[in-house]
């Protein structure tokens, strides 16, 4: 199956259900849906070097998404 590469920003909900910490809640994503169907998917973006960025990457990896091309930064947008 083809490899799908998506570009963009994380559109995350900043409230975790059931009193979980943000890094404990796994968001759904289109990329994740593609990997569940057997496609190889990668995500290209920039994320902050903090716990929220860590949680985003962990959630993407848990869905089988390649995060190799995500840039971590302490800079602004």
PDB file of N, CA and C in Angstrom:
ATOM      1  N   UNK A   1       0.839  -1.173   0.000  1.00  0.00           N
ATOM      2  CA  UNK A   1       0.000   0.000   0.000  1.00  0.00           C
ATOM      3  C   UNK A   1       0.887   1.239   0.000  1.00  0.00           C
ATOM      4  N   UNK A   2       0.378   2.317  -0.548  1.00  0.00           N
ATOM      5  CA  UNK A   2       1.135   3.558  -0.666  1.00  0.00           C
ATOM      6  C   UNK A   2       1.421   4.182   0.698  1.00  0.00           C
ATOM      7  N   UNK A   3       2.421   5.047   0.710  1.00  0.00           N
ATOM      8  CA  UNK A   3       2.739   5.806   1.917  1.00  0.00           C
ATOM      9  C   UNK A   3       2.050   7.167   1.801  1.00  0.00           C
ATOM     10  N   UNK A   4       1.420   7.590   2.869  1.00  0.00           N
ATOM     11  CA  UNK A   4       0.724   8.874   2.915  1.00  0.00           C
ATOM     12  C   UNK A   4       1.495   9.783   3.865  1.00  0.00           C
ATOM     13  N   UNK A   5       1.830  10.983   3.389  1.00  0.00           N
ATOM     14  CA  UNK A   5       2.516  11.965   4.225  1.00  0.00           C
ATOM     15  C   UNK A   5       1.596  13.164   4.371  1.00  0.00           C
ATOM     16  N   UNK A   6       1.321  13.552   5.607  1.00  0.00           N
ATOM     17  CA  UNK A   6       0.464  14.711   5.844  1.00  0.00           C
ATOM     18  C   UNK A   6       1.287  15.821   6.485  1.00  0.00           C
ATOM     19  N   UNK A   7       0.901  17.046   6.190  1.00  0.00           N
ATOM     20  CA  UNK A   7       1.561  18.235   6.702  1.00  0.00           C
ATOM     21  C   UNK A   7       0.520  19.073   7.430  1.00  0.00           C
ATOM     22  N   UNK A   8       0.907  19.690   8.507  1.00  0.00           N
ATOM     23  CA  UNK A   8      -0.041  20.567   9.177  1.00  0.00           C
ATOM     24  C   UNK A   8       0.266  20.719  10.642  1.00  0.00           C
ATOM     25  N   UNK A   9      -0.736  21.207  11.348  1.00  0.00           N
ATOM     26  CA  UNK A   9      -0.574  21.417  12.771  1.00  0.00           C
ATOM     27  C   UNK A   9      -1.476  20.461  13.536  1.00  0.00           C
ATOM     28  N   UNK A  10      -1.107  20.188  14.751  1.00  0.00           N
ATOM     29  CA  UNK A  10      -1.922  19.349  15.619  1.00  0.00           C
ATOM     30  C   UNK A  10      -3.132  20.175  16.038  1.00  0.00           C
ATOM     31  N   UNK A  11      -4.295  19.662  15.794  1.00  0.00           N
ATOM     32  CA  UNK A  11      -5.519  20.328  16.225  1.00  0.00           C
ATOM     33  C   UNK A  11      -6.031  19.544  17.424  1.00  0.00           C
ATOM     34  N   UNK A  12      -5.393  19.757  18.554  1.00  0.00           N
ATOM     35  CA  UNK A  12      -5.691  18.970  19.740  1.00  0.00           C
ATOM     36  C   UNK A  12      -6.719  19.617  20.643  1.00  0.00           C
ATOM     37  N   UNK A  13      -7.460  18.783  21.290  1.00  0.00           N
ATOM     38  CA  UNK A  13      -8.399  19.252  22.307  1.00  0.00           C
ATOM     39  C   UNK A  13      -7.632  19.369  23.619  1.00  0.00           C
ATOM     40  N   UNK A  14      -7.731  20.493  24.271  1.00  0.00           N
ATOM     41  CA  UNK A  14      -6.927  20.742  25.456  1.00  0.00           C
ATOM     42  C   UNK A  14      -7.619  20.323  26.752  1.00  0.00           C
ATOM     43  N   UNK A  15      -8.498  19.358  26.679  1.00  0.00           N
ATOM     44  CA  UNK A  15      -9.146  18.817  27.873  1.00  0.00           C
ATOM     45  C   UNK A  15      -9.177  17.301  27.739  1.00  0.00           C
ATOM     46  N   UNK A  16      -8.577  16.625  28.664  1.00  0.00           N
ATOM     47  CA  UNK A  16      -8.551  15.164  28.636  1.00  0.00           C
ATOM     48  C   UNK A  16      -9.757  14.616  29.403  1.00  0.00           C
ATOM     49  N   UNK A  17     -10.336  13.524  28.923  1.00  0.00           N
ATOM     50  CA  UNK A  17     -11.494  12.951  29.604  1.00  0.00           C
ATOM     51  C   UNK A  17     -11.116  12.225  30.896  1.00  0.00           C
ATOM     52  N   UNK A  18     -12.065  12.074  31.777  1.00  0.00           N
ATOM     53  CA  UNK A  18     -11.912  11.265  32.993  1.00  0.00           C
ATOM     54  C   UNK A  18     -10.728  11.665  33.864  1.00  0.00           C
ATOM     55  N   UNK A  19     -10.452  12.936  33.959  1.00  0.00           N
ATOM     56  CA  UNK A  19      -9.368  13.458  34.799  1.00  0.00           C
ATOM     57  C   UNK A  19      -7.988  12.935  34.418  1.00  0.00           C
ATOM     58  N   UNK A  20      -7.820  12.530  33.166  1.00  0.00           N
ATOM     59  CA  UNK A  20      -6.507  12.088  32.704  1.00  0.00           C
ATOM     60  C   UNK A  20      -5.629  13.297  32.428  1.00  0.00           C
ATOM     61  N   UNK A  21      -4.325  13.105  32.463  1.00  0.00           N
ATOM     62  CA  UNK A  21      -3.395  14.139  32.015  1.00  0.00           C
ATOM     63  C   UNK A  21      -3.433  14.143  30.492  1.00  0.00           C
ATOM     64  N   UNK A  22      -3.069  15.264  29.876  1.00  0.00           N
ATOM     65  CA  UNK A  22      -3.109  15.354  28.413  1.00  0.00           C
ATOM     66  C   UNK A  22      -2.291  14.248  27.752  1.00  0.00           C
ATOM     67  N   UNK A  23      -1.117  13.941  28.321  1.00  0.00           N
ATOM     68  CA  UNK A  23      -0.272  12.926  27.695  1.00  0.00           C
ATOM     69  C   UNK A  23      -0.854  11.509  27.805  1.00  0.00           C
ATOM     70  N   UNK A  24      -1.866  11.318  28.661  1.00  0.00           N
ATOM     71  CA  UNK A  24      -2.473   9.999  28.827  1.00  0.00           C
ATOM     72  C   UNK A  24      -3.657   9.775  27.884  1.00  0.00           C
ATOM     73  N   UNK A  25      -4.189  10.827  27.301  1.00  0.00           N
ATOM     74  CA  UNK A  25      -5.361  10.718  26.425  1.00  0.00           C
ATOM     75  C   UNK A  25      -4.890  10.595  24.978  1.00  0.00           C
ATOM     76  N   UNK A  26      -5.330   9.565  24.290  1.00  0.00           N
ATOM     77  CA  UNK A  26      -4.929   9.361  22.892  1.00  0.00           C
ATOM     78  C   UNK A  26      -5.972   9.941  21.942  1.00  0.00           C
ATOM     79  N   UNK A  27      -5.606  10.952  21.151  1.00  0.00           N
ATOM     80  CA  UNK A  27      -6.565  11.502  20.192  1.00  0.00           C
ATOM     81  C   UNK A  27      -6.687  10.616  18.970  1.00  0.00           C
ATOM     82  N   UNK A  28      -7.802  10.660  18.305  1.00  0.00           N
ATOM     83  CA  UNK A  28      -7.958   9.993  17.019  1.00  0.00           C
ATOM     84  C   UNK A  28      -7.408  10.905  15.943  1.00  0.00           C
ATOM     85  N   UNK A  29      -7.123  10.374  14.785  1.00  0.00           N
ATOM     86  CA  UNK A  29      -6.642  11.221  13.692  1.00  0.00           C
ATOM     87  C   UNK A  29      -6.872  10.516  12.377  1.00  0.00           C
ATOM     88  N   UNK A  30      -6.899  11.300  11.313  1.00  0.00           N
ATOM     89  CA  UNK A  30      -7.025  10.731   9.967  1.00  0.00           C
ATOM     90  C   UNK A  30      -5.847   9.822   9.688  1.00  0.00           C
ATOM     91  N   UNK A  31      -4.626  10.269  10.052  1.00  0.00           N
ATOM     92  CA  UNK A  31      -3.434   9.447   9.845  1.00  0.00           C
ATOM     93  C   UNK A  31      -3.584   8.108  10.550  1.00  0.00           C
ATOM     94  N   UNK A  32      -4.096   8.138  11.779  1.00  0.00           N
ATOM     95  CA  UNK A  32      -4.288   6.913  12.540  1.00  0.00           C
ATOM     96  C   UNK A  32      -5.271   5.996  11.858  1.00  0.00           C
ATOM     97  N   UNK A  33      -6.315   6.558  11.303  1.00  0.00           N
ATOM     98  CA  UNK A  33      -7.292   5.743  10.575  1.00  0.00           C
ATOM     99  C   UNK A  33      -6.641   5.072   9.383  1.00  0.00           C
ATOM    100  N   UNK A  34      -5.761   5.797   8.703  1.00  0.00           N
ATOM    101  CA  UNK A  34      -5.069   5.224   7.550  1.00  0.00           C
ATOM    102  C   UNK A  34      -4.171   4.067   7.961  1.00  0.00           C
ATOM    103  N   UNK A  35      -3.460   4.215   9.087  1.00  0.00           N
ATOM    104  CA  UNK A  35      -2.583   3.133   9.530  1.00  0.00           C
ATOM    105  C   UNK A  35      -3.392   1.912   9.949  1.00  0.00           C
ATOM    106  N   UNK A  36      -4.581   2.143  10.501  1.00  0.00           N
ATOM    107  CA  UNK A  36      -5.438   1.015  10.889  1.00  0.00           C
ATOM    108  C   UNK A  36      -5.949   0.254   9.670  1.00  0.00           C
ATOM    109  N   UNK A  37      -5.941   0.920   8.513  1.00  0.00           N
ATOM    110  CA  UNK A  37      -6.348   0.272   7.266  1.00  0.00           C
ATOM    111  C   UNK A  37      -5.154  -0.334   6.533  1.00  0.00           C
ATOM    112  N   UNK A  38      -3.974  -0.262   7.132  1.00  0.00           N
ATOM    113  CA  UNK A  38      -2.799  -0.895   6.553  1.00  0.00           C
ATOM    114  C   UNK A  38      -1.878   0.036   5.791  1.00  0.00           C
ATOM    115  N   UNK A  39      -2.198   1.316   5.694  1.00  0.00           N
ATOM    116  CA  UNK A  39      -1.336   2.258   4.990  1.00  0.00           C
ATOM    117  C   UNK A  39      -0.174   2.674   5.891  1.00  0.00           C
ATOM    118  N   UNK A  40       0.910   3.066   5.266  1.00  0.00           N
ATOM    119  CA  UNK A  40       2.019   3.667   5.998  1.00  0.00           C
ATOM    120  C   UNK A  40       1.774   5.166   5.998  1.00  0.00           C
ATOM    121  N   UNK A  41       1.819   5.795   7.164  1.00  0.00           N
ATOM    122  CA  UNK A  41       1.534   7.222   7.263  1.00  0.00           C
ATOM    123  C   UNK A  41       2.620   7.937   8.049  1.00  0.00           C
ATOM    124  N   UNK A  42       2.907   9.170   7.631  1.00  0.00           N
ATOM    125  CA  UNK A  42       3.874  10.012   8.326  1.00  0.00           C
ATOM    126  C   UNK A  42       3.263  11.398   8.488  1.00  0.00           C
ATOM    127  N   UNK A  43       3.714  12.102   9.515  1.00  0.00           N
ATOM    128  CA  UNK A  43       3.206  13.435   9.795  1.00  0.00           C
ATOM    129  C   UNK A  43       4.376  14.398   9.884  1.00  0.00           C
ATOM    130  N   UNK A  44       4.275  15.530   9.188  1.00  0.00           N
ATOM    131  CA  UNK A  44       5.322  16.546   9.179  1.00  0.00           C
ATOM    132  C   UNK A  44       4.757  17.808   9.821  1.00  0.00           C
ATOM    133  N   UNK A  45       5.408  18.276  10.890  1.00  0.00           N
ATOM    134  CA  UNK A  45       4.961  19.475  11.592  1.00  0.00           C
ATOM    135  C   UNK A  45       6.075  19.947  12.500  1.00  0.00           C
ATOM    136  N   UNK A  46       5.806  21.002  13.268  1.00  0.00           N
ATOM    137  CA  UNK A  46       6.711  21.456  14.326  1.00  0.00           C
ATOM    138  C   UNK A  46       5.916  21.466  15.624  1.00  0.00           C
ATOM    139  N   UNK A  47       6.527  20.968  16.687  1.00  0.00           N
ATOM    140  CA  UNK A  47       5.876  20.918  17.995  1.00  0.00           C
ATOM    141  C   UNK A  47       6.797  21.503  19.049  1.00  0.00           C
ATOM    142  N   UNK A  48       6.210  22.055  20.110  1.00  0.00           N
ATOM    143  CA  UNK A  48       7.050  22.613  21.179  1.00  0.00           C
ATOM    144  C   UNK A  48       7.797  21.513  21.931  1.00  0.00           C
ATOM    145  N   UNK A  49       8.938  21.890  22.487  1.00  0.00           N
ATOM    146  CA  UNK A  49       9.740  20.964  23.297  1.00  0.00           C
ATOM    147  C   UNK A  49       9.240  21.014  24.734  1.00  0.00           C
ATOM    148  N   UNK A  50       8.058  20.458  24.952  1.00  0.00           N
ATOM    149  CA  UNK A  50       7.484  20.413  26.297  1.00  0.00           C
ATOM    150  C   UNK A  50       6.595  19.179  26.424  1.00  0.00           C
ATOM    151  N   UNK A  51       5.927  19.038  27.550  1.00  0.00           N
ATOM    152  CA  UNK A  51       5.111  17.839  27.808  1.00  0.00           C
ATOM    153  C   UNK A  51       3.958  17.692  26.822  1.00  0.00           C
ATOM    154  N   UNK A  52       3.395  18.801  26.366  1.00  0.00           N
ATOM    155  CA  UNK A  52       2.297  18.702  25.392  1.00  0.00           C
ATOM    156  C   UNK A  52       2.820  18.173  24.062  1.00  0.00           C
ATOM    157  N   UNK A  53       3.976  18.672  23.625  1.00  0.00           N
ATOM    158  CA  UNK A  53       4.596  18.146  22.402  1.00  0.00           C
ATOM    159  C   UNK A  53       4.931  16.671  22.535  1.00  0.00           C
ATOM    160  N   UNK A  54       5.453  16.285  23.717  1.00  0.00           N
ATOM    161  CA  UNK A  54       5.761  14.871  23.978  1.00  0.00           C
ATOM    162  C   UNK A  54       4.503  14.012  23.874  1.00  0.00           C
ATOM    163  N   UNK A  55       3.398  14.508  24.436  1.00  0.00           N
ATOM    164  CA  UNK A  55       2.140  13.758  24.415  1.00  0.00           C
ATOM    165  C   UNK A  55       1.621  13.602  22.990  1.00  0.00           C
ATOM    166  N   UNK A  56       1.757  14.644  22.186  1.00  0.00           N
ATOM    167  CA  UNK A  56       1.317  14.569  20.785  1.00  0.00           C
ATOM    168  C   UNK A  56       2.098  13.507  20.029  1.00  0.00           C
ATOM    169  N   UNK A  57       3.401  13.508  20.202  1.00  0.00           N
ATOM    170  CA  UNK A  57       4.237  12.525  19.503  1.00  0.00           C
ATOM    171  C   UNK A  57       3.935  11.113  19.994  1.00  0.00           C
ATOM    172  N   UNK A  58       3.763  10.944  21.284  1.00  0.00           N
ATOM    173  CA  UNK A  58       3.441   9.612  21.823  1.00  0.00           C
ATOM    174  C   UNK A  58       2.118   9.103  21.260  1.00  0.00           C
ATOM    175  N   UNK A  59       1.134   9.992  21.142  1.00  0.00           N
ATOM    176  CA  UNK A  59      -0.166   9.586  20.616  1.00  0.00           C
ATOM    177  C   UNK A  59      -0.056   9.190  19.146  1.00  0.00           C
ATOM    178  N   UNK A  60       0.700   9.950  18.364  1.00  0.00           N
ATOM    179  CA  UNK A  60       0.883   9.624  16.948  1.00  0.00           C
ATOM    180  C   UNK A  60       1.602   8.281  16.797  1.00  0.00           C
ATOM    181  N   UNK A  61       2.651   8.087  17.562  1.00  0.00           N
ATOM    182  CA  UNK A  61       3.405   6.823  17.494  1.00  0.00           C
ATOM    183  C   UNK A  61       2.538   5.634  17.899  1.00  0.00           C
ATOM    184  N   UNK A  62       1.674   5.837  18.901  1.00  0.00           N
ATOM    185  CA  UNK A  62       0.788   4.756  19.349  1.00  0.00           C
ATOM    186  C   UNK A  62      -0.173   4.339  18.233  1.00  0.00           C
ATOM    187  N   UNK A  63      -0.462   5.253  17.334  1.00  0.00           N
ATOM    188  CA  UNK A  63      -1.344   4.952  16.197  1.00  0.00           C
ATOM    189  C   UNK A  63      -0.570   4.390  15.006  1.00  0.00           C
ATOM    190  N   UNK A  64       0.754   4.257  15.145  1.00  0.00           N
ATOM    191  CA  UNK A  64       1.575   3.701  14.072  1.00  0.00           C
ATOM    192  C   UNK A  64       2.026   4.726  13.054  1.00  0.00           C
ATOM    193  N   UNK A  65       1.992   5.987  13.410  1.00  0.00           N
ATOM    194  CA  UNK A  65       2.365   7.065  12.493  1.00  0.00           C
ATOM    195  C   UNK A  65       3.843   7.396  12.656  1.00  0.00           C
ATOM    196  N   UNK A  66       4.539   7.530  11.533  1.00  0.00           N
ATOM    197  CA  UNK A  66       5.954   7.886  11.524  1.00  0.00           C
ATOM    198  C   UNK A  66       6.097   9.345  11.958  1.00  0.00           C
ATOM    199  N   UNK A  67       6.857   9.592  13.008  1.00  0.00           N
ATOM    200  CA  UNK A  67       7.048  10.947  13.537  1.00  0.00           C
ATOM    201  C   UNK A  67       8.472  11.458  13.320  1.00  0.00           C
ATOM    202  N   UNK A  68       9.217  10.779  12.475  1.00  0.00           N
ATOM    203  CA  UNK A  68      10.623  11.116  12.248  1.00  0.00           C
ATOM    204  C   UNK A  68      10.820  12.556  11.759  1.00  0.00           C
ATOM    205  N   UNK A  69       9.856  13.091  11.047  1.00  0.00           N
ATOM    206  CA  UNK A  69      10.019  14.427  10.447  1.00  0.00           C
ATOM    207  C   UNK A  69       9.331  15.531  11.235  1.00  0.00           C
ATOM    208  N   UNK A  70       9.054  15.276  12.502  1.00  0.00           N
ATOM    209  CA  UNK A  70       8.494  16.318  13.364  1.00  0.00           C
ATOM    210  C   UNK A  70       9.648  17.075  14.008  1.00  0.00           C
ATOM    211  N   UNK A  71       9.650  18.382  13.832  1.00  0.00           N
ATOM    212  CA  UNK A  71      10.684  19.251  14.384  1.00  0.00           C
ATOM    213  C   UNK A  71      10.242  19.701  15.778  1.00  0.00           C
ATOM    214  N   UNK A  72      11.140  19.613  16.741  1.00  0.00           N
ATOM    215  CA  UNK A  72      10.862  20.088  18.110  1.00  0.00           C
ATOM    216  C   UNK A  72      11.539  21.443  18.268  1.00  0.00           C
ATOM    217  N   UNK A  73      10.825  22.403  18.844  1.00  0.00           N
ATOM    218  CA  UNK A  73      11.375  23.751  18.945  1.00  0.00           C
ATOM    219  C   UNK A  73      10.914  24.452  20.226  1.00  0.00           C
ATOM    220  N   UNK A  74      11.746  25.362  20.701  1.00  0.00           N
ATOM    221  CA  UNK A  74      11.379  26.230  21.808  1.00  0.00           C
ATOM    222  C   UNK A  74      10.986  27.604  21.273  1.00  0.00           C
ATOM    223  N   UNK A  75      11.085  27.764  19.964  1.00  0.00           N
ATOM    224  CA  UNK A  75      10.710  29.017  19.314  1.00  0.00           C
ATOM    225  C   UNK A  75       9.192  29.104  19.243  1.00  0.00           C
ATOM    226  N   UNK A  76       8.690  30.258  18.864  1.00  0.00           N
ATOM    227  CA  UNK A  76       7.254  30.414  18.631  1.00  0.00           C
ATOM    228  C   UNK A  76       6.852  29.736  17.330  1.00  0.00           C
ATOM    229  N   UNK A  77       5.772  30.164  16.785  1.00  0.00           N
ATOM    230  CA  UNK A  77       5.282  29.561  15.537  1.00  0.00           C
ATOM    231  C   UNK A  77       6.281  29.668  14.419  1.00  0.00           C
TER     232      UNK A  77
END
